[in-house]
Protein backbone atom coordinates (compact mmCIF):
# COMPACT_ATOMS: atom_id res chain seq x y z
CA UNK A 1 63.00 -38.79 7.54
CA UNK A 2 60.48 -38.76 4.60
CA UNK A 3 62.02 -34.98 3.39
CA UNK A 4 65.32 -36.69 3.59
CA UNK A 5 64.39 -39.32 1.13
CA UNK A 6 62.49 -37.69 -1.10
CA UNK A 7 65.90 -35.38 -1.22
CA UNK A 8 68.22 -38.08 -1.66
CA UNK A 9 66.17 -39.44 -4.57
CA UNK A 10 65.34 -36.16 -6.25
CA UNK A 11 69.66 -35.84 -6.27
CA UNK A 12 69.84 -39.53 -7.60
CA UNK A 13 67.67 -39.09 -10.13
CA UNK A 14 68.70 -35.49 -11.72
CA UNK A 15 72.30 -37.15 -11.16
CA UNK A 16 70.98 -39.68 -13.74
CA UNK A 17 69.07 -37.81 -15.73
CA UNK A 18 71.97 -35.58 -16.21
CA UNK A 19 74.10 -38.32 -16.80
CA UNK A 20 72.54 -39.57 -20.01
CA UNK A 21 74.45 -39.26 -22.93
CA UNK A 22 72.90 -38.01 -25.91
CA UNK A 23 73.18 -37.07 -29.71
CA UNK A 24 70.82 -35.05 -32.37
CA UNK A 25 70.83 -35.48 -35.93
CA UNK A 26 68.51 -33.72 -38.25
CA UNK A 27 67.66 -36.82 -40.79
CA UNK A 28 65.98 -34.30 -43.44
CA UNK A 29 69.77 -33.29 -43.88
CA UNK A 30 71.04 -37.38 -43.89
CA UNK A 31 67.84 -38.20 -46.38
CA UNK A 32 68.68 -35.31 -48.72
CA UNK A 33 72.59 -36.09 -49.05
CA UNK A 34 71.52 -39.44 -50.12
CA UNK A 35 71.08 -39.77 -54.22
CA UNK A 36 68.16 -42.59 -54.15
CA UNK A 37 66.60 -40.88 -51.65
CA UNK A 38 66.46 -37.52 -54.10
CA UNK A 39 65.44 -39.87 -57.31
CA UNK A 40 62.99 -41.87 -55.54
CA UNK A 41 61.06 -38.30 -54.49
CA UNK A 42 61.38 -36.94 -58.06
CA UNK A 43 59.74 -40.11 -59.39
CA UNK A 44 56.93 -39.56 -57.06
CA UNK A 45 56.65 -36.63 -57.46
CA UNK A 46 56.31 -37.22 -61.34
CA UNK A 47 53.93 -39.78 -60.67
CA UNK A 48 51.53 -37.78 -58.48
CA UNK A 49 51.08 -35.04 -61.21
CA UNK A 50 50.20 -37.69 -63.36
CA UNK A 51 47.64 -39.09 -61.65
CA UNK A 52 46.87 -35.62 -60.99
CA UNK A 53 46.67 -34.62 -64.34
CA UNK A 54 44.53 -37.68 -64.39
CA UNK A 55 42.10 -36.74 -61.85
CA UNK A 56 41.76 -33.14 -63.06
CA UNK A 57 40.57 -34.78 -65.96
CA UNK A 58 38.29 -36.31 -64.73
CA UNK A 59 36.87 -33.56 -62.80
CA UNK A 60 36.76 -31.14 -65.93
CA UNK A 61 34.95 -33.63 -68.04
CA UNK A 62 32.19 -34.08 -64.90
CA UNK A 63 31.86 -30.13 -64.98
CA UNK A 64 31.17 -29.81 -68.65
CA UNK A 65 28.77 -33.07 -67.99
CA UNK A 66 27.04 -30.81 -65.20
CA UNK A 67 27.17 -27.67 -67.19
CA UNK A 68 26.09 -29.52 -70.45
CA UNK A 69 23.19 -31.22 -68.29
CA UNK A 70 22.32 -27.56 -66.40
CA UNK A 71 22.06 -25.83 -69.83
CA UNK A 72 19.22 -28.30 -70.51
CA UNK A 73 17.38 -28.77 -67.51
CA UNK A 74 14.59 -26.56 -67.90
CA UNK A 75 13.88 -28.39 -71.26
CA UNK A 76 13.94 -31.88 -69.60
CA UNK A 77 11.04 -33.90 -67.87
CA UNK A 78 11.10 -34.92 -64.25
CA UNK A 79 12.72 -38.64 -65.44
CA UNK A 80 15.01 -37.11 -67.38
CA UNK A 81 16.82 -34.89 -64.98
CA UNK A 82 16.79 -37.28 -62.28
CA UNK A 83 18.59 -39.94 -64.52
CA UNK A 84 20.93 -37.10 -65.43
CA UNK A 85 21.10 -36.23 -61.77
CA UNK A 86 21.87 -39.33 -60.93
CA UNK A 87 24.54 -40.03 -63.54
CA UNK A 88 26.07 -37.11 -62.51
CA UNK A 89 26.28 -38.11 -59.18
CA UNK A 90 27.64 -41.79 -59.41
CA UNK A 91 30.40 -40.23 -61.74
CA UNK A 92 31.40 -37.92 -58.95
CA UNK A 93 31.59 -39.94 -56.60
CA UNK A 94 33.85 -42.74 -58.72
CA UNK A 95 35.79 -40.30 -59.32
CA UNK A 96 36.16 -39.45 -55.86
CA UNK A 97 36.29 -43.24 -55.48
CA UNK A 98 39.50 -43.04 -57.41
CA UNK A 99 40.90 -40.33 -56.21
CA UNK A 100 41.06 -42.06 -52.89
CA UNK A 101 42.43 -45.24 -54.24
CA UNK A 102 45.63 -42.93 -55.20
CA UNK A 103 46.04 -40.15 -53.09
CA UNK A 104 44.57 -42.30 -49.83
CA UNK A 105 46.26 -43.65 -46.79
CA UNK A 106 46.29 -47.11 -48.59
CA UNK A 107 46.10 -45.69 -51.61
CA UNK A 108 48.28 -46.54 -54.64
CA UNK A 109 50.92 -43.44 -54.66
CA UNK A 110 51.60 -44.35 -50.81
CA UNK A 111 51.99 -47.98 -51.46
CA UNK A 112 54.55 -46.68 -53.89
CA UNK A 113 55.81 -44.13 -51.16
CA UNK A 114 56.29 -47.23 -48.68
CA UNK A 115 58.22 -49.48 -51.69
CA UNK A 116 60.69 -46.43 -52.59
CA UNK A 117 61.44 -44.64 -49.18
CA UNK A 118 61.31 -47.50 -47.04
CA UNK A 119 64.62 -49.06 -47.47
CA UNK A 120 66.21 -46.05 -47.56
CA UNK A 121 64.77 -44.75 -44.01
CA UNK A 122 65.32 -48.52 -43.24
CA UNK A 123 68.98 -48.21 -43.85
CA UNK A 124 69.26 -44.87 -42.29
CA UNK A 125 67.84 -45.83 -38.90
CA UNK A 126 69.94 -48.20 -38.78
CA UNK A 127 73.21 -46.88 -39.14
CA UNK A 128 71.86 -44.47 -36.54
CA UNK A 129 71.47 -47.13 -34.20
CA UNK A 130 74.58 -48.55 -34.99
CA UNK A 131 76.42 -45.42 -34.22
CA UNK A 132 74.30 -44.82 -31.15
CA UNK A 133 75.08 -48.11 -29.85
CA UNK A 134 78.90 -47.98 -30.90
CA UNK A 135 79.30 -44.29 -29.22
CA UNK A 136 77.08 -44.81 -25.82
CA UNK A 137 74.44 -42.58 -26.52
CA UNK A 138 71.18 -43.19 -24.57
CA UNK A 139 69.15 -40.69 -26.44
CA UNK A 140 68.90 -39.80 -30.61
CA UNK A 141 66.72 -37.00 -31.48
CA UNK A 142 65.54 -35.93 -34.54
CA UNK A 143 65.92 -31.86 -35.14
CA UNK A 144 64.76 -31.74 -38.95
CA UNK A 145 61.87 -29.48 -38.65
CA UNK A 146 61.51 -29.94 -35.18
CA UNK A 147 59.78 -26.85 -33.53
CA UNK A 148 59.69 -27.47 -30.13
CA UNK A 149 63.41 -28.33 -29.24
CA UNK A 150 64.50 -25.12 -28.17
CA UNK A 151 68.76 -25.66 -27.61
CA UNK A 152 70.93 -28.52 -28.16
CA UNK A 153 74.77 -27.63 -28.31
CA UNK A 154 76.56 -28.19 -31.77
CA UNK A 155 78.95 -30.31 -30.17
CA UNK A 156 76.22 -32.75 -29.79
CA UNK A 157 75.34 -32.81 -33.57
CA UNK A 158 76.33 -36.32 -35.13
CA UNK A 159 74.46 -35.28 -38.72
CA UNK A 160 77.76 -35.11 -40.99
CA UNK A 161 79.08 -38.52 -39.05
CA UNK A 162 75.92 -40.05 -39.89
CA UNK A 163 75.70 -38.77 -43.41
CA UNK A 164 79.45 -40.54 -43.89
CA UNK A 165 78.47 -43.69 -42.38
CA UNK A 166 75.11 -43.65 -44.37
CA UNK A 167 76.60 -43.21 -47.83
């Protein structure tokens, strides 16, 4: 009796799973089709490059300071050496803190990324959600760079339709 119940339950579950309607979308392709997204990425890249140059310059100056210290170290008193070493370490920490404030997860660059990219992402995700609901899809899978997706039916790819709706 238990086997019969389990068999019926498994059959019902299998039917429900296979009956689900799904679509696949390449979000990367959708985003790259939006001019505002590409402009935002270019702007973020330029900003990151400027910040990186500032950080690199600060580290270069620190390296010069350290090299000068190493060259004079033998002629310095113990207290002078300690003072110089403390100053170099403090400057290194200061630069690292600045670098984190720019490139960290809560940094200036991430905040700018959220400011520029999030509205575009929200718009795309809203279009995908509305499309899925209006076409009766239970599931939308993003195939952009997903190495675990082994197969999908090409007719399930709705990327081009989403691109038309986003524009």
